[in-house]
Amino acid sequence: MGKYPGKDSDLTLTFHTKDPDSGHGKECETFYTTDLESWIVQGKKRGPNVRAQLANLAEDETFLEISDRTMAAFVQRYVKERYGIDLN
């Protein structure tokens, strides 16, 4: 959670990475960083059966499904930027 939870109207987003297999499409899993030390994740919405399986999900919280390939791209970039290690 960011420094100031609940102040979503004050967030400024910066693109970080997206699904590497998505080409130039508009609909793809995407990670953004915010100026409040948090992440915004764009992804596919799932229904009430998945929601019911999540523990302690508050009314103002939501969830996203992120593919392995997108998470792998995120981790590779994160490790390279943070630690200078290329996992490829």
PDB file of N, CA and C in Angstrom:
ATOM      1  N   MET A   1       0.839  -1.167   0.000  1.00  0.00           N
ATOM      2  CA  MET A   1       0.000   0.000   0.000  1.00  0.00           C
ATOM      3  C   MET A   1       0.887   1.235   0.000  1.00  0.00           C
ATOM      4  N   GLY A   2       0.437   2.266  -0.662  1.00  0.00           N
ATOM      5  CA  GLY A   2       1.204   3.498  -0.754  1.00  0.00           C
ATOM      6  C   GLY A   2       1.217   4.278   0.553  1.00  0.00           C
ATOM      7  N   LYS A   3       1.879   5.396   0.528  1.00  0.00           N
ATOM      8  CA  LYS A   3       1.989   6.241   1.710  1.00  0.00           C
ATOM      9  C   LYS A   3       0.645   6.790   2.160  1.00  0.00           C
ATOM     10  N   TYR A   4      -0.230   7.086   1.222  1.00  0.00           N
ATOM     11  CA  TYR A   4      -1.481   7.764   1.530  1.00  0.00           C
ATOM     12  C   TYR A   4      -2.672   6.976   0.995  1.00  0.00           C
ATOM     13  N   PRO A   5      -3.022   5.858   1.627  1.00  0.00           N
ATOM     14  CA  PRO A   5      -4.140   5.050   1.125  1.00  0.00           C
ATOM     15  C   PRO A   5      -5.432   5.853   1.096  1.00  0.00           C
ATOM     16  N   GLY A   6      -6.201   5.659   0.033  1.00  0.00           N
ATOM     17  CA  GLY A   6      -7.486   6.332  -0.082  1.00  0.00           C
ATOM     18  C   GLY A   6      -7.439   7.633  -0.856  1.00  0.00           C
ATOM     19  N   LYS A   7      -6.266   8.106  -1.233  1.00  0.00           N
ATOM     20  CA  LYS A   7      -6.153   9.365  -1.977  1.00  0.00           C
ATOM     21  C   LYS A   7      -5.932   9.060  -3.456  1.00  0.00           C
ATOM     22  N   ASP A   8      -6.769   8.198  -4.025  1.00  0.00           N
ATOM     23  CA  ASP A   8      -6.574   7.755  -5.401  1.00  0.00           C
ATOM     24  C   ASP A   8      -6.686   8.879  -6.419  1.00  0.00           C
ATOM     25  N   SER A   9      -7.418   9.940  -6.132  1.00  0.00           N
ATOM     26  CA  SER A   9      -7.550  11.030  -7.089  1.00  0.00           C
ATOM     27  C   SER A   9      -6.264  11.843  -7.192  1.00  0.00           C
ATOM     28  N   ASP A  10      -5.357  11.670  -6.239  1.00  0.00           N
ATOM     29  CA  ASP A  10      -4.109  12.420  -6.229  1.00  0.00           C
ATOM     30  C   ASP A  10      -2.938  11.651  -6.836  1.00  0.00           C
ATOM     31  N   LEU A  11      -3.173  10.444  -7.351  1.00  0.00           N
ATOM     32  CA  LEU A  11      -2.095   9.632  -7.902  1.00  0.00           C
ATOM     33  C   LEU A  11      -1.647  10.136  -9.266  1.00  0.00           C
ATOM     34  N   THR A  12      -0.338  10.064  -9.492  1.00  0.00           N
ATOM     35  CA  THR A  12       0.221  10.287 -10.824  1.00  0.00           C
ATOM     36  C   THR A  12       0.888   8.984 -11.238  1.00  0.00           C
ATOM     37  N   LEU A  13       0.463   8.420 -12.370  1.00  0.00           N
ATOM     38  CA  LEU A  13       0.970   7.131 -12.825  1.00  0.00           C
ATOM     39  C   LEU A  13       2.123   7.294 -13.799  1.00  0.00           C
ATOM     40  N   THR A  14       3.053   6.330 -13.746  1.00  0.00           N
ATOM     41  CA  THR A  14       4.143   6.225 -14.704  1.00  0.00           C
ATOM     42  C   THR A  14       4.151   4.804 -15.228  1.00  0.00           C
ATOM     43  N   PHE A  15       4.099   4.637 -16.552  1.00  0.00           N
ATOM     44  CA  PHE A  15       4.137   3.307 -17.163  1.00  0.00           C
ATOM     45  C   PHE A  15       5.396   2.589 -16.727  1.00  0.00           C
ATOM     46  N   HIS A  16       5.260   1.283 -16.424  1.00  0.00           N
ATOM     47  CA  HIS A  16       6.428   0.492 -16.043  1.00  0.00           C
ATOM     48  C   HIS A  16       6.672  -0.639 -17.043  1.00  0.00           C
ATOM     49  N   THR A  17       5.712  -1.528 -17.185  1.00  0.00           N
ATOM     50  CA  THR A  17       5.883  -2.636 -18.136  1.00  0.00           C
ATOM     51  C   THR A  17       4.523  -3.218 -18.477  1.00  0.00           C
ATOM     52  N   LYS A  18       4.448  -3.966 -19.590  1.00  0.00           N
ATOM     53  CA  LYS A  18       3.190  -4.598 -19.995  1.00  0.00           C
ATOM     54  C   LYS A  18       3.453  -5.999 -20.495  1.00  0.00           C
ATOM     55  N   ASP A  19       2.403  -6.725 -20.782  1.00  0.00           N
ATOM     56  CA  ASP A  19       2.493  -8.079 -21.325  1.00  0.00           C
ATOM     57  C   ASP A  19       3.341  -8.027 -22.591  1.00  0.00           C
ATOM     58  N   PRO A  20       4.494  -8.712 -22.610  1.00  0.00           N
ATOM     59  CA  PRO A  20       5.377  -8.628 -23.773  1.00  0.00           C
ATOM     60  C   PRO A  20       4.796  -9.251 -25.046  1.00  0.00           C
ATOM     61  N   ASP A  21       3.763 -10.073 -24.912  1.00  0.00           N
ATOM     62  CA  ASP A  21       3.146 -10.703 -26.082  1.00  0.00           C
ATOM     63  C   ASP A  21       1.948  -9.929 -26.607  1.00  0.00           C
ATOM     64  N   SER A  22       1.673  -8.757 -26.063  1.00  0.00           N
ATOM     65  CA  SER A  22       0.457  -8.037 -26.432  1.00  0.00           C
ATOM     66  C   SER A  22       0.605  -7.167 -27.674  1.00  0.00           C
ATOM     67  N   GLY A  23       1.798  -7.031 -28.189  1.00  0.00           N
ATOM     68  CA  GLY A  23       1.995  -6.155 -29.343  1.00  0.00           C
ATOM     69  C   GLY A  23       1.681  -4.724 -28.973  1.00  0.00           C
ATOM     70  N   HIS A  24       0.892  -4.065 -29.815  1.00  0.00           N
ATOM     71  CA  HIS A  24       0.529  -2.679 -29.547  1.00  0.00           C
ATOM     72  C   HIS A  24      -0.941  -2.546 -29.170  1.00  0.00           C
ATOM     73  N   GLY A  25      -1.556  -3.654 -28.734  1.00  0.00           N
ATOM     74  CA  GLY A  25      -2.966  -3.633 -28.379  1.00  0.00           C
ATOM     75  C   GLY A  25      -3.255  -2.792 -27.156  1.00  0.00           C
ATOM     76  N   LYS A  26      -4.485  -2.334 -27.048  1.00  0.00           N
ATOM     77  CA  LYS A  26      -4.903  -1.518 -25.912  1.00  0.00           C
ATOM     78  C   LYS A  26      -5.231  -2.379 -24.703  1.00  0.00           C
ATOM     79  N   GLU A  27      -5.702  -3.593 -24.918  1.00  0.00           N
ATOM     80  CA  GLU A  27      -6.124  -4.459 -23.822  1.00  0.00           C
ATOM     81  C   GLU A  27      -5.005  -5.412 -23.448  1.00  0.00           C
ATOM     82  N   CYS A  28      -4.234  -5.052 -22.442  1.00  0.00           N
ATOM     83  CA  CYS A  28      -3.174  -5.938 -21.986  1.00  0.00           C
ATOM     84  C   CYS A  28      -2.870  -5.654 -20.527  1.00  0.00           C
ATOM     85  N   GLU A  29      -2.296  -6.642 -19.869  1.00  0.00           N
ATOM     86  CA  GLU A  29      -1.894  -6.486 -18.484  1.00  0.00           C
ATOM     87  C   GLU A  29      -0.746  -5.481 -18.434  1.00  0.00           C
ATOM     88  N   THR A  30      -0.855  -4.487 -17.567  1.00  0.00           N
ATOM     89  CA  THR A  30       0.141  -3.427 -17.503  1.00  0.00           C
ATOM     90  C   THR A  30       0.392  -3.019 -16.064  1.00  0.00           C
ATOM     91  N   PHE A  31       1.652  -2.798 -15.717  1.00  0.00           N
ATOM     92  CA  PHE A  31       2.039  -2.298 -14.402  1.00  0.00           C
ATOM     93  C   PHE A  31       2.398  -0.828 -14.520  1.00  0.00           C
ATOM     94  N   TYR A  32       1.928  -0.048 -13.553  1.00  0.00           N
ATOM     95  CA  TYR A  32       2.286   1.359 -13.456  1.00  0.00           C
ATOM     96  C   TYR A  32       2.845   1.598 -12.054  1.00  0.00           C
ATOM     97  N   THR A  33       3.799   2.492 -11.940  1.00  0.00           N
ATOM     98  CA  THR A  33       4.220   2.958 -10.628  1.00  0.00           C
ATOM     99  C   THR A  33       3.496   4.270 -10.371  1.00  0.00           C
ATOM    100  N   THR A  34       3.365   4.606  -9.101  1.00  0.00           N
ATOM    101  CA  THR A  34       2.721   5.871  -8.750  1.00  0.00           C
ATOM    102  C   THR A  34       3.711   6.736  -7.973  1.00  0.00           C
ATOM    103  N   ASP A  35       3.378   7.976  -7.844  1.00  0.00           N
ATOM    104  CA  ASP A  35       4.208   8.893  -7.065  1.00  0.00           C
ATOM    105  C   ASP A  35       3.984   8.734  -5.561  1.00  0.00           C
ATOM    106  N   LEU A  36       3.143   7.788  -5.166  1.00  0.00           N
ATOM    107  CA  LEU A  36       2.874   7.528  -3.749  1.00  0.00           C
ATOM    108  C   LEU A  36       3.404   6.167  -3.308  1.00  0.00           C
ATOM    109  N   GLU A  37       4.478   5.707  -3.977  1.00  0.00           N
ATOM    110  CA  GLU A  37       5.132   4.444  -3.635  1.00  0.00           C
ATOM    111  C   GLU A  37       4.184   3.255  -3.673  1.00  0.00           C
ATOM    112  N   SER A  38       3.434   3.134  -4.745  1.00  0.00           N
ATOM    113  CA  SER A  38       2.521   2.010  -4.908  1.00  0.00           C
ATOM    114  C   SER A  38       2.490   1.601  -6.375  1.00  0.00           C
ATOM    115  N   TRP A  39       1.728   0.551  -6.679  1.00  0.00           N
ATOM    116  CA  TRP A  39       1.584   0.024  -8.042  1.00  0.00           C
ATOM    117  C   TRP A  39       0.115   0.028  -8.427  1.00  0.00           C
ATOM    118  N   ILE A  40      -0.162   0.317  -9.674  1.00  0.00           N
ATOM    119  CA  ILE A  40      -1.489   0.109 -10.253  1.00  0.00           C
ATOM    120  C   ILE A  40      -1.304  -0.977 -11.306  1.00  0.00           C
ATOM    121  N   VAL A  41      -2.170  -1.977 -11.261  1.00  0.00           N
ATOM    122  CA  VAL A  41      -2.064  -3.090 -12.196  1.00  0.00           C
ATOM    123  C   VAL A  41      -3.337  -3.166 -13.021  1.00  0.00           C
ATOM    124  N   GLN A  42      -3.178  -3.060 -14.338  1.00  0.00           N
ATOM    125  CA  GLN A  42      -4.296  -3.189 -15.278  1.00  0.00           C
ATOM    126  C   GLN A  42      -4.368  -4.651 -15.697  1.00  0.00           C
ATOM    127  N   GLY A  43      -5.554  -5.263 -15.585  1.00  0.00           N
ATOM    128  CA  GLY A  43      -5.692  -6.666 -15.938  1.00  0.00           C
ATOM    129  C   GLY A  43      -7.146  -7.044 -16.156  1.00  0.00           C
ATOM    130  N   LYS A  44      -7.373  -8.307 -16.447  1.00  0.00           N
ATOM    131  CA  LYS A  44      -8.718  -8.816 -16.712  1.00  0.00           C
ATOM    132  C   LYS A  44      -9.541  -8.921 -15.433  1.00  0.00           C
ATOM    133  N   LYS A  45     -10.766  -8.460 -15.488  1.00  0.00           N
ATOM    134  CA  LYS A  45     -11.690  -8.551 -14.367  1.00  0.00           C
ATOM    135  C   LYS A  45     -12.250  -9.967 -14.298  1.00  0.00           C
ATOM    136  N   ARG A  46     -12.370 -10.509 -13.103  1.00  0.00           N
ATOM    137  CA  ARG A  46     -12.943 -11.836 -12.886  1.00  0.00           C
ATOM    138  C   ARG A  46     -14.213 -11.702 -12.065  1.00  0.00           C
ATOM    139  N   GLY A  47     -14.997 -12.749 -12.012  1.00  0.00           N
ATOM    140  CA  GLY A  47     -16.324 -12.683 -11.419  1.00  0.00           C
ATOM    141  C   GLY A  47     -16.419 -13.027  -9.947  1.00  0.00           C
ATOM    142  N   PRO A  48     -17.667 -13.143  -9.465  1.00  0.00           N
ATOM    143  CA  PRO A  48     -17.935 -13.347  -8.040  1.00  0.00           C
ATOM    144  C   PRO A  48     -17.428 -14.680  -7.490  1.00  0.00           C
ATOM    145  N   ASN A  49     -17.316 -15.719  -8.311  1.00  0.00           N
ATOM    146  CA  ASN A  49     -16.813 -17.004  -7.817  1.00  0.00           C
ATOM    147  C   ASN A  49     -15.349 -16.896  -7.400  1.00  0.00           C
ATOM    148  N   VAL A  50     -14.561 -16.122  -8.141  1.00  0.00           N
ATOM    149  CA  VAL A  50     -13.161 -15.906  -7.764  1.00  0.00           C
ATOM    150  C   VAL A  50     -13.107 -14.994  -6.547  1.00  0.00           C
ATOM    151  N   ARG A  51     -13.888 -13.934  -6.567  1.00  0.00           N
ATOM    152  CA  ARG A  51     -13.907 -12.988  -5.442  1.00  0.00           C
ATOM    153  C   ARG A  51     -14.220 -13.702  -4.131  1.00  0.00           C
ATOM    154  N   ALA A  52     -15.154 -14.639  -4.165  1.00  0.00           N
ATOM    155  CA  ALA A  52     -15.569 -15.350  -2.954  1.00  0.00           C
ATOM    156  C   ALA A  52     -14.441 -16.194  -2.357  1.00  0.00           C
ATOM    157  N   GLN A  53     -13.458 -16.561  -3.159  1.00  0.00           N
ATOM    158  CA  GLN A  53     -12.343 -17.378  -2.681  1.00  0.00           C
ATOM    159  C   GLN A  53     -11.223 -16.562  -2.046  1.00  0.00           C
ATOM    160  N   LEU A  54     -11.265 -15.246  -2.199  1.00  0.00           N
ATOM    161  CA  LEU A  54     -10.216 -14.385  -1.667  1.00  0.00           C
ATOM    162  C   LEU A  54     -10.478 -14.079  -0.199  1.00  0.00           C
ATOM    163  N   ALA A  55      -9.444 -14.198   0.627  1.00  0.00           N
ATOM    164  CA  ALA A  55      -9.581 -13.975   2.069  1.00  0.00           C
ATOM    165  C   ALA A  55      -9.497 -12.492   2.401  1.00  0.00           C
ATOM    166  N   ASN A  56     -10.431 -12.033   3.215  1.00  0.00           N
ATOM    167  CA  ASN A  56     -10.392 -10.680   3.773  1.00  0.00           C
ATOM    168  C   ASN A  56     -10.359  -9.571   2.726  1.00  0.00           C
ATOM    169  N   LEU A  57     -11.088  -9.728   1.642  1.00  0.00           N
ATOM    170  CA  LEU A  57     -11.141  -8.696   0.608  1.00  0.00           C
ATOM    171  C   LEU A  57     -12.163  -7.642   1.026  1.00  0.00           C
ATOM    172  N   ALA A  58     -11.696  -6.434   1.280  1.00  0.00           N
ATOM    173  CA  ALA A  58     -12.579  -5.347   1.708  1.00  0.00           C
ATOM    174  C   ALA A  58     -13.433  -4.859   0.538  1.00  0.00           C
ATOM    175  N   GLU A  59     -14.521  -4.180   0.844  1.00  0.00           N
ATOM    176  CA  GLU A  59     -15.427  -3.671  -0.190  1.00  0.00           C
ATOM    177  C   GLU A  59     -14.727  -2.727  -1.170  1.00  0.00           C
ATOM    178  N   ASP A  60     -13.726  -1.985  -0.706  1.00  0.00           N
ATOM    179  CA  ASP A  60     -13.037  -1.041  -1.590  1.00  0.00           C
ATOM    180  C   ASP A  60     -11.805  -1.638  -2.257  1.00  0.00           C
ATOM    181  N   GLU A  61     -11.616  -2.960  -2.123  1.00  0.00           N
ATOM    182  CA  GLU A  61     -10.494  -3.645  -2.759  1.00  0.00           C
ATOM    183  C   GLU A  61     -10.982  -4.443  -3.963  1.00  0.00           C
ATOM    184  N   THR A  62     -10.072  -4.709  -4.870  1.00  0.00           N
ATOM    185  CA  THR A  62     -10.387  -5.524  -6.040  1.00  0.00           C
ATOM    186  C   THR A  62      -9.228  -6.468  -6.304  1.00  0.00           C
ATOM    187  N   PHE A  63      -9.309  -7.246  -7.338  1.00  0.00           N
ATOM    188  CA  PHE A  63      -8.263  -8.214  -7.644  1.00  0.00           C
ATOM    189  C   PHE A  63      -8.107  -8.328  -9.149  1.00  0.00           C
ATOM    190  N   LEU A  64      -6.917  -8.750  -9.576  1.00  0.00           N
ATOM    191  CA  LEU A  64      -6.626  -8.934 -10.993  1.00  0.00           C
ATOM    192  C   LEU A  64      -5.891 -10.240 -11.195  1.00  0.00           C
ATOM    193  N   GLU A  65      -6.107 -10.876 -12.332  1.00  0.00           N
ATOM    194  CA  GLU A  65      -5.351 -12.056 -12.709  1.00  0.00           C
ATOM    195  C   GLU A  65      -4.224 -11.611 -13.626  1.00  0.00           C
ATOM    196  N   ILE A  66      -2.988 -11.928 -13.276  1.00  0.00           N
ATOM    197  CA  ILE A  66      -1.812 -11.549 -14.049  1.00  0.00           C
ATOM    198  C   ILE A  66      -1.159 -12.826 -14.568  1.00  0.00           C
ATOM    199  N   SER A  67      -0.885 -12.892 -15.865  1.00  0.00           N
ATOM    200  CA  SER A  67      -0.316 -14.105 -16.462  1.00  0.00           C
ATOM    201  C   SER A  67       1.133 -14.308 -16.035  1.00  0.00           C
ATOM    202  N   ASP A  68       1.608 -15.540 -16.153  1.00  0.00           N
ATOM    203  CA  ASP A  68       3.003 -15.860 -15.847  1.00  0.00           C
ATOM    204  C   ASP A  68       3.963 -15.067 -16.732  1.00  0.00           C
ATOM    205  N   ARG A  69       3.633 -14.911 -18.014  1.00  0.00           N
ATOM    206  CA  ARG A  69       4.549 -14.212 -18.920  1.00  0.00           C
ATOM    207  C   ARG A  69       4.667 -12.731 -18.555  1.00  0.00           C
ATOM    208  N   THR A  70       3.573 -12.124 -18.104  1.00  0.00           N
ATOM    209  CA  THR A  70       3.646 -10.727 -17.685  1.00  0.00           C
ATOM    210  C   THR A  70       4.428 -10.608 -16.387  1.00  0.00           C
ATOM    211  N   MET A  71       4.183 -11.503 -15.437  1.00  0.00           N
ATOM    212  CA  MET A  71       4.925 -11.460 -14.184  1.00  0.00           C
ATOM    213  C   MET A  71       6.411 -11.715 -14.425  1.00  0.00           C
ATOM    214  N   ALA A  72       6.731 -12.645 -15.328  1.00  0.00           N
ATOM    215  CA  ALA A  72       8.137 -12.911 -15.652  1.00  0.00           C
ATOM    216  C   ALA A  72       8.803 -11.669 -16.246  1.00  0.00           C
ATOM    217  N   ALA A  73       8.098 -10.970 -17.144  1.00  0.00           N
ATOM    218  CA  ALA A  73       8.641  -9.738 -17.732  1.00  0.00           C
ATOM    219  C   ALA A  73       8.854  -8.691 -16.642  1.00  0.00           C
ATOM    220  N   PHE A  74       7.912  -8.588 -15.722  1.00  0.00           N
ATOM    221  CA  PHE A  74       8.026  -7.646 -14.612  1.00  0.00           C
ATOM    222  C   PHE A  74       9.246  -7.973 -13.752  1.00  0.00           C
ATOM    223  N   VAL A  75       9.386  -9.232 -13.357  1.00  0.00           N
ATOM    224  CA  VAL A  75      10.488  -9.636 -12.484  1.00  0.00           C
ATOM    225  C   VAL A  75      11.828  -9.425 -13.189  1.00  0.00           C
ATOM    226  N   GLN A  76      11.917  -9.796 -14.470  1.00  0.00           N
ATOM    227  CA  GLN A  76      13.172  -9.609 -15.210  1.00  0.00           C
ATOM    228  C   GLN A  76      13.575  -8.140 -15.243  1.00  0.00           C
ATOM    229  N   ARG A  77      12.632  -7.285 -15.548  1.00  0.00           N
ATOM    230  CA  ARG A  77      12.947  -5.858 -15.615  1.00  0.00           C
ATOM    231  C   ARG A  77      13.281  -5.309 -14.231  1.00  0.00           C
ATOM    232  N   TYR A  78      12.525  -5.711 -13.234  1.00  0.00           N
ATOM    233  CA  TYR A  78      12.758  -5.263 -11.861  1.00  0.00           C
ATOM    234  C   TYR A  78      14.166  -5.656 -11.397  1.00  0.00           C
ATOM    235  N   VAL A  79      14.531  -6.918 -11.591  1.00  0.00           N
ATOM    236  CA  VAL A  79      15.843  -7.399 -11.147  1.00  0.00           C
ATOM    237  C   VAL A  79      16.961  -6.681 -11.902  1.00  0.00           C
ATOM    238  N   LYS A  80      16.768  -6.460 -13.206  1.00  0.00           N
ATOM    239  CA  LYS A  80      17.796  -5.772 -13.993  1.00  0.00           C
ATOM    240  C   LYS A  80      17.962  -4.322 -13.525  1.00  0.00           C
ATOM    241  N   GLU A  81      16.837  -3.606 -13.329  1.00  0.00           N
ATOM    242  CA  GLU A  81      16.909  -2.208 -12.902  1.00  0.00           C
ATOM    243  C   GLU A  81      17.397  -2.066 -11.467  1.00  0.00           C
ATOM    244  N   ARG A  82      16.932  -2.942 -10.588  1.00  0.00           N
ATOM    245  CA  ARG A  82      17.246  -2.818  -9.162  1.00  0.00           C
ATOM    246  C   ARG A  82      18.632  -3.360  -8.832  1.00  0.00           C
ATOM    247  N   TYR A  83      19.004  -4.513  -9.463  1.00  0.00           N
ATOM    248  CA  TYR A  83      20.225  -5.194  -9.070  1.00  0.00           C
ATOM    249  C   TYR A  83      21.265  -5.304 -10.196  1.00  0.00           C
ATOM    250  N   GLY A  84      20.901  -4.853 -11.403  1.00  0.00           N
ATOM    251  CA  GLY A  84      21.838  -4.918 -12.522  1.00  0.00           C
ATOM    252  C   GLY A  84      22.084  -6.323 -13.039  1.00  0.00           C
ATOM    253  N   ILE A  85      21.164  -7.243 -12.750  1.00  0.00           N
ATOM    254  CA  ILE A  85      21.309  -8.633 -13.184  1.00  0.00           C
ATOM    255  C   ILE A  85      20.319  -8.911 -14.303  1.00  0.00           C
ATOM    256  N   ASP A  86      20.830  -9.401 -15.450  1.00  0.00           N
ATOM    257  CA  ASP A  86      19.966  -9.742 -16.587  1.00  0.00           C
ATOM    258  C   ASP A  86      19.592 -11.210 -16.479  1.00  0.00           C
ATOM    259  N   LEU A  87      18.338 -11.508 -16.245  1.00  0.00           N
ATOM    260  CA  LEU A  87      17.874 -12.894 -16.057  1.00  0.00           C
ATOM    261  C   LEU A  87      17.609 -13.626 -17.372  1.00  0.00           C
ATOM    262  N   ASN A  88      17.765 -12.942 -18.503  1.00  0.00           N
ATOM    263  CA  ASN A  88      17.481 -13.604 -19.786  1.00  0.00           C
ATOM    264  C   ASN A  88      18.456 -14.703 -20.048  1.00  0.00           C
TER     265      ASN A  88
END
